[in-house]
Amino acid sequence: ATIEKMGIPLTDKQKEQVAAQAAYDAAKTPKE
């Protein structure tokens, strides 16, 4: 988030990590 806010591009591998983290966080969040 910090790197992107500064306009520094992410590598493809980092983009995959970010997507994986988002999916992980979504899976952990209890559904209401």
PDB file of all heavy atoms in Angstrom:
ATOM      1  N   ALA A   1       0.829  -1.206   0.000  1.00  0.00           N
ATOM      2  CA  ALA A   1       0.000   0.000   0.000  1.00  0.00           C
ATOM      3  C   ALA A   1       0.865   1.259   0.000  1.00  0.00           C
ATOM      4  O   ALA A   1       0.598   2.214  -0.731  1.00  0.00           O
ATOM      5  CB  ALA A   1      -0.936  -0.004   1.213  1.00  0.00           C
ATOM      6  N   THR A   2       1.918   1.242   0.805  1.00  0.00           N
ATOM      7  CA  THR A   2       2.809   2.401   0.904  1.00  0.00           C
ATOM      8  C   THR A   2       3.567   2.613  -0.395  1.00  0.00           C
ATOM      9  O   THR A   2       3.636   3.727  -0.913  1.00  0.00           O
ATOM     10  CB  THR A   2       3.788   2.213   2.085  1.00  0.00           C
ATOM     11  OG1 THR A   2       3.027   2.006   3.278  1.00  0.00           O
ATOM     12  CG2 THR A   2       4.691   3.424   2.262  1.00  0.00           C
ATOM     13  N   ILE A   3       4.112   1.537  -0.940  1.00  0.00           N
ATOM     14  CA  ILE A   3       4.868   1.625  -2.193  1.00  0.00           C
ATOM     15  C   ILE A   3       3.974   2.130  -3.327  1.00  0.00           C
ATOM     16  O   ILE A   3       4.349   3.015  -4.077  1.00  0.00           O
ATOM     17  CB  ILE A   3       5.498   0.255  -2.533  1.00  0.00           C
ATOM     18  CG1 ILE A   3       6.681  -0.010  -1.594  1.00  0.00           C
ATOM     19  CG2 ILE A   3       5.973   0.206  -3.978  1.00  0.00           C
ATOM     20  CD1 ILE A   3       7.368  -1.323  -1.827  1.00  0.00           C
ATOM     21  N   GLU A   4       2.776   1.561  -3.425  1.00  0.00           N
ATOM     22  CA  GLU A   4       1.852   1.967  -4.491  1.00  0.00           C
ATOM     23  C   GLU A   4       1.439   3.432  -4.341  1.00  0.00           C
ATOM     24  O   GLU A   4       1.343   4.149  -5.322  1.00  0.00           O
ATOM     25  CB  GLU A   4       0.620   1.064  -4.506  1.00  0.00           C
ATOM     26  CG  GLU A   4       0.924  -0.305  -5.086  1.00  0.00           C
ATOM     27  CD  GLU A   4      -0.304  -1.164  -5.227  1.00  0.00           C
ATOM     28  OE1 GLU A   4      -1.021  -1.360  -4.230  1.00  0.00           O
ATOM     29  OE2 GLU A   4      -0.541  -1.631  -6.342  1.00  0.00           O
ATOM     30  N   LYS A   5       1.211   3.878  -3.105  1.00  0.00           N
ATOM     31  CA  LYS A   5       0.819   5.269  -2.847  1.00  0.00           C
ATOM     32  C   LYS A   5       1.910   6.223  -3.335  1.00  0.00           C
ATOM     33  O   LYS A   5       1.625   7.320  -3.802  1.00  0.00           O
ATOM     34  CB  LYS A   5       0.572   5.453  -1.338  1.00  0.00           C
ATOM     35  CG  LYS A   5       0.023   6.796  -0.959  1.00  0.00           C
ATOM     36  CD  LYS A   5      -1.458   6.860  -1.196  1.00  0.00           C
ATOM     37  CE  LYS A   5      -2.033   8.150  -0.649  1.00  0.00           C
ATOM     38  NZ  LYS A   5      -3.444   8.279  -0.933  1.00  0.00           N
ATOM     39  N   MET A   6       3.162   5.780  -3.255  1.00  0.00           N
ATOM     40  CA  MET A   6       4.298   6.589  -3.703  1.00  0.00           C
ATOM     41  C   MET A   6       4.497   6.524  -5.216  1.00  0.00           C
ATOM     42  O   MET A   6       5.376   7.180  -5.752  1.00  0.00           O
ATOM     43  CB  MET A   6       5.580   6.116  -3.015  1.00  0.00           C
ATOM     44  CG  MET A   6       5.638   6.448  -1.569  1.00  0.00           C
ATOM     45  SD  MET A   6       7.217   5.971  -0.896  1.00  0.00           S
ATOM     46  CE  MET A   6       7.162   6.838   0.658  1.00  0.00           C
ATOM     47  N   GLY A   7       3.707   5.671  -5.871  1.00  0.00           N
ATOM     48  CA  GLY A   7       3.840   5.555  -7.318  1.00  0.00           C
ATOM     49  C   GLY A   7       4.974   4.635  -7.752  1.00  0.00           C
ATOM     50  O   GLY A   7       5.430   4.685  -8.888  1.00  0.00           O
ATOM     51  N   ILE A   8       5.434   3.795  -6.833  1.00  0.00           N
ATOM     52  CA  ILE A   8       6.490   2.830  -7.156  1.00  0.00           C
ATOM     53  C   ILE A   8       5.811   1.544  -7.624  1.00  0.00           C
ATOM     54  O   ILE A   8       5.008   0.973  -6.887  1.00  0.00           O
ATOM     55  CB  ILE A   8       7.403   2.562  -5.930  1.00  0.00           C
ATOM     56  CG1 ILE A   8       8.053   3.880  -5.449  1.00  0.00           C
ATOM     57  CG2 ILE A   8       8.449   1.510  -6.252  1.00  0.00           C
ATOM     58  CD1 ILE A   8       8.700   3.795  -4.081  1.00  0.00           C
ATOM     59  N   PRO A   9       6.091   1.090  -8.849  1.00  0.00           N
ATOM     60  CA  PRO A   9       5.400  -0.099  -9.359  1.00  0.00           C
ATOM     61  C   PRO A   9       5.791  -1.377  -8.594  1.00  0.00           C
ATOM     62  O   PRO A   9       6.922  -1.529  -8.153  1.00  0.00           O
ATOM     63  CB  PRO A   9       5.834  -0.192 -10.819  1.00  0.00           C
ATOM     64  CG  PRO A   9       6.970   0.753 -10.990  1.00  0.00           C
ATOM     65  CD  PRO A   9       7.039   1.655  -9.801  1.00  0.00           C
ATOM     66  N   LEU A  10       4.807  -2.262  -8.467  1.00  0.00           N
ATOM     67  CA  LEU A  10       5.033  -3.570  -7.850  1.00  0.00           C
ATOM     68  C   LEU A  10       5.484  -4.555  -8.930  1.00  0.00           C
ATOM     69  O   LEU A  10       5.096  -4.422 -10.083  1.00  0.00           O
ATOM     70  CB  LEU A  10       3.738  -4.098  -7.212  1.00  0.00           C
ATOM     71  CG  LEU A  10       3.110  -3.292  -6.090  1.00  0.00           C
ATOM     72  CD1 LEU A  10       1.853  -3.980  -5.601  1.00  0.00           C
ATOM     73  CD2 LEU A  10       4.072  -3.082  -4.949  1.00  0.00           C
ATOM     74  N   THR A  11       6.241  -5.559  -8.511  1.00  0.00           N
ATOM     75  CA  THR A  11       6.601  -6.635  -9.436  1.00  0.00           C
ATOM     76  C   THR A  11       5.395  -7.558  -9.577  1.00  0.00           C
ATOM     77  O   THR A  11       4.486  -7.532  -8.746  1.00  0.00           O
ATOM     78  CB  THR A  11       7.799  -7.458  -8.909  1.00  0.00           C
ATOM     79  OG1 THR A  11       7.391  -8.136  -7.710  1.00  0.00           O
ATOM     80  CG2 THR A  11       9.018  -6.593  -8.603  1.00  0.00           C
ATOM     81  N   ASP A  12       5.389  -8.392 -10.616  1.00  0.00           N
ATOM     82  CA  ASP A  12       4.281  -9.338 -10.797  1.00  0.00           C
ATOM     83  C   ASP A  12       4.160 -10.258  -9.597  1.00  0.00           C
ATOM     84  O   ASP A  12       3.053 -10.556  -9.141  1.00  0.00           O
ATOM     85  CB  ASP A  12       4.479 -10.158 -12.080  1.00  0.00           C
ATOM     86  CG  ASP A  12       4.253  -9.295 -13.326  1.00  0.00           C
ATOM     87  OD1 ASP A  12       3.628  -8.215 -13.211  1.00  0.00           O
ATOM     88  OD2 ASP A  12       4.705  -9.699 -14.404  1.00  0.00           O
ATOM     89  N   LYS A  13       5.287 -10.699  -9.069  1.00  0.00           N
ATOM     90  CA  LYS A  13       5.270 -11.594  -7.902  1.00  0.00           C
ATOM     91  C   LYS A  13       4.637 -10.881  -6.706  1.00  0.00           C
ATOM     92  O   LYS A  13       3.845 -11.470  -5.968  1.00  0.00           O
ATOM     93  CB  LYS A  13       6.690 -12.055  -7.579  1.00  0.00           C
ATOM     94  CG  LYS A  13       6.727 -13.075  -6.473  1.00  0.00           C
ATOM     95  CD  LYS A  13       8.115 -13.623  -6.238  1.00  0.00           C
ATOM     96  CE  LYS A  13       8.075 -14.470  -4.991  1.00  0.00           C
ATOM     97  NZ  LYS A  13       8.760 -15.665  -5.002  1.00  0.00           N
ATOM     98  N   GLN A  14       4.964  -9.612  -6.526  1.00  0.00           N
ATOM     99  CA  GLN A  14       4.383  -8.850  -5.420  1.00  0.00           C
ATOM    100  C   GLN A  14       2.879  -8.669  -5.609  1.00  0.00           C
ATOM    101  O   GLN A  14       2.127  -8.751  -4.647  1.00  0.00           O
ATOM    102  CB  GLN A  14       5.065  -7.483  -5.302  1.00  0.00           C
ATOM    103  CG  GLN A  14       6.481  -7.584  -4.774  1.00  0.00           C
ATOM    104  CD  GLN A  14       7.236  -6.283  -4.900  1.00  0.00           C
ATOM    105  OE1 GLN A  14       6.946  -5.460  -5.768  1.00  0.00           O
ATOM    106  NE2 GLN A  14       8.208  -6.090  -4.042  1.00  0.00           N
ATOM    107  N   LYS A  15       2.451  -8.448  -6.850  1.00  0.00           N
ATOM    108  CA  LYS A  15       1.020  -8.315  -7.121  1.00  0.00           C
ATOM    109  C   LYS A  15       0.297  -9.605  -6.750  1.00  0.00           C
ATOM    110  O   LYS A  15      -0.804  -9.570  -6.198  1.00  0.00           O
ATOM    111  CB  LYS A  15       0.780  -7.972  -8.595  1.00  0.00           C
ATOM    112  CG  LYS A  15       1.166  -6.556  -8.943  1.00  0.00           C
ATOM    113  CD  LYS A  15       1.022  -6.302 -10.433  1.00  0.00           C
ATOM    114  CE  LYS A  15       1.609  -4.963 -10.818  1.00  0.00           C
ATOM    115  NZ  LYS A  15       1.760  -4.809 -12.259  1.00  0.00           N
ATOM    116  N   GLU A  16       0.928 -10.756  -7.033  1.00  0.00           N
ATOM    117  CA  GLU A  16       0.353 -12.054  -6.657  1.00  0.00           C
ATOM    118  C   GLU A  16       0.258 -12.176  -5.136  1.00  0.00           C
ATOM    119  O   GLU A  16      -0.733 -12.671  -4.605  1.00  0.00           O
ATOM    120  CB  GLU A  16       1.201 -13.206  -7.208  1.00  0.00           C
ATOM    121  CG  GLU A  16       1.081 -13.395  -8.708  1.00  0.00           C
ATOM    122  CD  GLU A  16       2.126 -14.359  -9.271  1.00  0.00           C
ATOM    123  OE1 GLU A  16       2.674 -15.172  -8.503  1.00  0.00           O
ATOM    124  OE2 GLU A  16       2.385 -14.274 -10.479  1.00  0.00           O
ATOM    125  N   GLN A  17       1.316 -11.721  -4.442  1.00  0.00           N
ATOM    126  CA  GLN A  17       1.328 -11.774  -2.975  1.00  0.00           C
ATOM    127  C   GLN A  17       0.202 -10.919  -2.394  1.00  0.00           C
ATOM    128  O   GLN A  17      -0.472 -11.325  -1.456  1.00  0.00           O
ATOM    129  CB  GLN A  17       2.660 -11.247  -2.423  1.00  0.00           C
ATOM    130  CG  GLN A  17       3.798 -12.231  -2.513  1.00  0.00           C
ATOM    131  CD  GLN A  17       5.076 -11.614  -1.952  1.00  0.00           C
ATOM    132  OE1 GLN A  17       5.433 -10.493  -2.272  1.00  0.00           O
ATOM    133  NE2 GLN A  17       5.767 -12.372  -1.130  1.00  0.00           N
ATOM    134  N   VAL A  18       0.019  -9.722  -2.971  1.00  0.00           N
ATOM    135  CA  VAL A  18      -1.030  -8.819  -2.501  1.00  0.00           C
ATOM    136  C   VAL A  18      -2.402  -9.459  -2.693  1.00  0.00           C
ATOM    137  O   VAL A  18      -3.249  -9.433  -1.796  1.00  0.00           O
ATOM    138  CB  VAL A  18      -0.936  -7.449  -3.228  1.00  0.00           C
ATOM    139  CG1 VAL A  18      -2.160  -6.593  -2.945  1.00  0.00           C
ATOM    140  CG2 VAL A  18       0.336  -6.721  -2.817  1.00  0.00           C
ATOM    141  N   ALA A  19      -2.613 -10.078  -3.853  1.00  0.00           N
ATOM    142  CA  ALA A  19      -3.885 -10.755  -4.134  1.00  0.00           C
ATOM    143  C   ALA A  19      -4.094 -11.929  -3.177  1.00  0.00           C
ATOM    144  O   ALA A  19      -5.194 -12.136  -2.662  1.00  0.00           O
ATOM    145  CB  ALA A  19      -3.919 -11.229  -5.586  1.00  0.00           C
ATOM    146  N   ALA A  20      -3.025 -12.675  -2.925  1.00  0.00           N
ATOM    147  CA  ALA A  20      -3.110 -13.822  -2.008  1.00  0.00           C
ATOM    148  C   ALA A  20      -3.431 -13.351  -0.590  1.00  0.00           C
ATOM    149  O   ALA A  20      -4.235 -13.957   0.110  1.00  0.00           O
ATOM    150  CB  ALA A  20      -1.802 -14.615  -2.020  1.00  0.00           C
ATOM    151  N   GLN A  21      -2.821 -12.236  -0.183  1.00  0.00           N
ATOM    152  CA  GLN A  21      -3.071 -11.691   1.155  1.00  0.00           C
ATOM    153  C   GLN A  21      -4.519 -11.216   1.268  1.00  0.00           C
ATOM    154  O   GLN A  21      -5.184 -11.462   2.272  1.00  0.00           O
ATOM    155  CB  GLN A  21      -2.107 -10.534   1.457  1.00  0.00           C
ATOM    156  CG  GLN A  21      -2.260  -9.965   2.869  1.00  0.00           C
ATOM    157  CD  GLN A  21      -1.844 -10.939   3.955  1.00  0.00           C
ATOM    158  OE1 GLN A  21      -0.755 -11.489   3.921  1.00  0.00           O
ATOM    159  NE2 GLN A  21      -2.712 -11.167   4.926  1.00  0.00           N
ATOM    160  N   ALA A  22      -5.014 -10.565   0.221  1.00  0.00           N
ATOM    161  CA  ALA A  22      -6.399 -10.085   0.227  1.00  0.00           C
ATOM    162  C   ALA A  22      -7.366 -11.262   0.330  1.00  0.00           C
ATOM    163  O   ALA A  22      -8.346 -11.215   1.074  1.00  0.00           O
ATOM    164  CB  ALA A  22      -6.677  -9.261  -1.028  1.00  0.00           C
ATOM    165  N   ALA A  23      -7.085 -12.333  -0.412  1.00  0.00           N
ATOM    166  CA  ALA A  23      -7.929 -13.532  -0.372  1.00  0.00           C
ATOM    167  C   ALA A  23      -7.877 -14.169   1.019  1.00  0.00           C
ATOM    168  O   ALA A  23      -8.899 -14.599   1.562  1.00  0.00           O
ATOM    169  CB  ALA A  23      -7.485 -14.530  -1.435  1.00  0.00           C
ATOM    170  N   TYR A  24      -6.680 -14.200   1.596  1.00  0.00           N
ATOM    171  CA  TYR A  24      -6.503 -14.768   2.941  1.00  0.00           C
ATOM    172  C   TYR A  24      -7.295 -13.951   3.961  1.00  0.00           C
ATOM    173  O   TYR A  24      -8.018 -14.494   4.786  1.00  0.00           O
ATOM    174  CB  TYR A  24      -5.015 -14.782   3.300  1.00  0.00           C
ATOM    175  CG  TYR A  24      -4.743 -15.217   4.722  1.00  0.00           C
ATOM    176  CD1 TYR A  24      -4.792 -16.562   5.087  1.00  0.00           C
ATOM    177  CD2 TYR A  24      -4.427 -14.286   5.709  1.00  0.00           C
ATOM    178  CE1 TYR A  24      -4.540 -16.957   6.389  1.00  0.00           C
ATOM    179  CE2 TYR A  24      -4.177 -14.674   7.012  1.00  0.00           C
ATOM    180  CZ  TYR A  24      -4.234 -16.012   7.346  1.00  0.00           C
ATOM    181  OH  TYR A  24      -3.983 -16.396   8.628  1.00  0.00           O
ATOM    182  N   ASP A  25      -7.154 -12.621   3.880  1.00  0.00           N
ATOM    183  CA  ASP A  25      -7.874 -11.738   4.806  1.00  0.00           C
ATOM    184  C   ASP A  25      -9.384 -11.901   4.660  1.00  0.00           C
ATOM    185  O   ASP A  25     -10.108 -11.923   5.640  1.00  0.00           O
ATOM    186  CB  ASP A  25      -7.471 -10.270   4.589  1.00  0.00           C
ATOM    187  CG  ASP A  25      -6.026 -10.000   5.013  1.00  0.00           C
ATOM    188  OD1 ASP A  25      -5.449 -10.818   5.749  1.00  0.00           O
ATOM    189  OD2 ASP A  25      -5.497  -8.958   4.593  1.00  0.00           O
ATOM    190  N   ALA A  26      -9.852 -12.025   3.405  1.00  0.00           N
ATOM    191  CA  ALA A  26     -11.285 -12.200   3.157  1.00  0.00           C
ATOM    192  C   ALA A  26     -11.782 -13.525   3.737  1.00  0.00           C
ATOM    193  O   ALA A  26     -12.862 -13.599   4.303  1.00  0.00           O
ATOM    194  CB  ALA A  26     -11.556 -12.130   1.650  1.00  0.00           C
ATOM    195  N   ALA A  27     -10.958 -14.552   3.621  1.00  0.00           N
ATOM    196  CA  ALA A  27     -11.342 -15.886   4.130  1.00  0.00           C
ATOM    197  C   ALA A  27     -11.405 -15.879   5.659  1.00  0.00           C
ATOM    198  O   ALA A  27     -12.183 -16.605   6.253  1.00  0.00           O
ATOM    199  CB  ALA A  27     -10.341 -16.938   3.650  1.00  0.00           C
ATOM    200  N   LYS A  28     -10.578 -15.061   6.290  1.00  0.00           N
ATOM    201  CA  LYS A  28     -10.525 -14.983   7.745  1.00  0.00           C
ATOM    202  C   LYS A  28     -11.650 -14.157   8.337  1.00  0.00           C
ATOM    203  O   LYS A  28     -11.976 -14.317   9.492  1.00  0.00           O
ATOM    204  CB  LYS A  28      -9.270 -14.248   8.129  1.00  0.00           C
ATOM    205  CG  LYS A  28      -8.156 -14.735   8.577  1.00  0.00           C
ATOM    206  CD  LYS A  28      -6.997 -14.023   9.109  1.00  0.00           C
ATOM    207  CE  LYS A  28      -6.925 -12.539   8.943  1.00  0.00           C
ATOM    208  NZ  LYS A  28      -5.731 -11.978   9.474  1.00  0.00           N
ATOM    209  N   THR A  29     -12.165 -13.230   7.552  1.00  0.00           N
ATOM    210  CA  THR A  29     -13.218 -12.335   8.045  1.00  0.00           C
ATOM    211  C   THR A  29     -14.523 -13.107   8.161  1.00  0.00           C
ATOM    212  O   THR A  29     -14.973 -13.689   7.179  1.00  0.00           O
ATOM    213  CB  THR A  29     -13.400 -11.143   7.073  1.00  0.00           C
ATOM    214  OG1 THR A  29     -12.133 -10.533   6.882  1.00  0.00           O
ATOM    215  CG2 THR A  29     -14.367 -10.130   7.638  1.00  0.00           C
ATOM    216  N   PRO A  30     -15.114 -13.122   9.351  1.00  0.00           N
ATOM    217  CA  PRO A  30     -16.375 -13.861   9.507  1.00  0.00           C
ATOM    218  C   PRO A  30     -17.484 -13.241   8.654  1.00  0.00           C
ATOM    219  O   PRO A  30     -17.599 -12.023   8.579  1.00  0.00           O
ATOM    220  CB  PRO A  30     -16.685 -13.755  10.990  1.00  0.00           C
ATOM    221  CG  PRO A  30     -15.760 -12.756  11.562  1.00  0.00           C
ATOM    222  CD  PRO A  30     -14.684 -12.470  10.569  1.00  0.00           C
ATOM    223  N   LYS A  31     -18.236 -14.088   8.008  1.00  0.00           N
ATOM    224  CA  LYS A  31     -19.358 -13.625   7.185  1.00  0.00           C
ATOM    225  C   LYS A  31     -20.553 -13.375   8.088  1.00  0.00           C
ATOM    226  O   LYS A  31     -20.825 -14.143   8.986  1.00  0.00           O
ATOM    227  CB  LYS A  31     -19.718 -14.691   6.139  1.00  0.00           C
ATOM    228  CG  LYS A  31     -18.557 -15.123   5.245  1.00  0.00           C
ATOM    229  CD  LYS A  31     -18.318 -14.112   4.128  1.00  0.00           C
ATOM    230  CE  LYS A  31     -17.207 -14.528   3.219  1.00  0.00           C
ATOM    231  NZ  LYS A  31     -15.875 -14.117   3.581  1.00  0.00           N
ATOM    232  N   GLU A  32     -21.263 -12.298   7.817  1.00  0.00           N
ATOM    233  CA  GLU A  32     -22.432 -11.976   8.660  1.00  0.00           C
ATOM    234  C   GLU A  32     -23.705 -12.432   8.019  1.00  0.00           C
ATOM    235  O   GLU A  32     -23.844 -12.452   6.837  1.00  0.00           O
ATOM    236  CB  GLU A  32     -22.472 -10.470   8.923  1.00  0.00           C
ATOM    237  CG  GLU A  32     -21.310 -10.069   9.820  1.00  0.00           C
ATOM    238  CD  GLU A  32     -21.450  -8.643  10.334  1.00  0.00           C
ATOM    239  OE1 GLU A  32     -22.584  -8.205  10.563  1.00  0.00           O
ATOM    240  OE2 GLU A  32     -20.439  -8.004  10.508  1.00  0.00           O
TER     241      GLU A  32
END
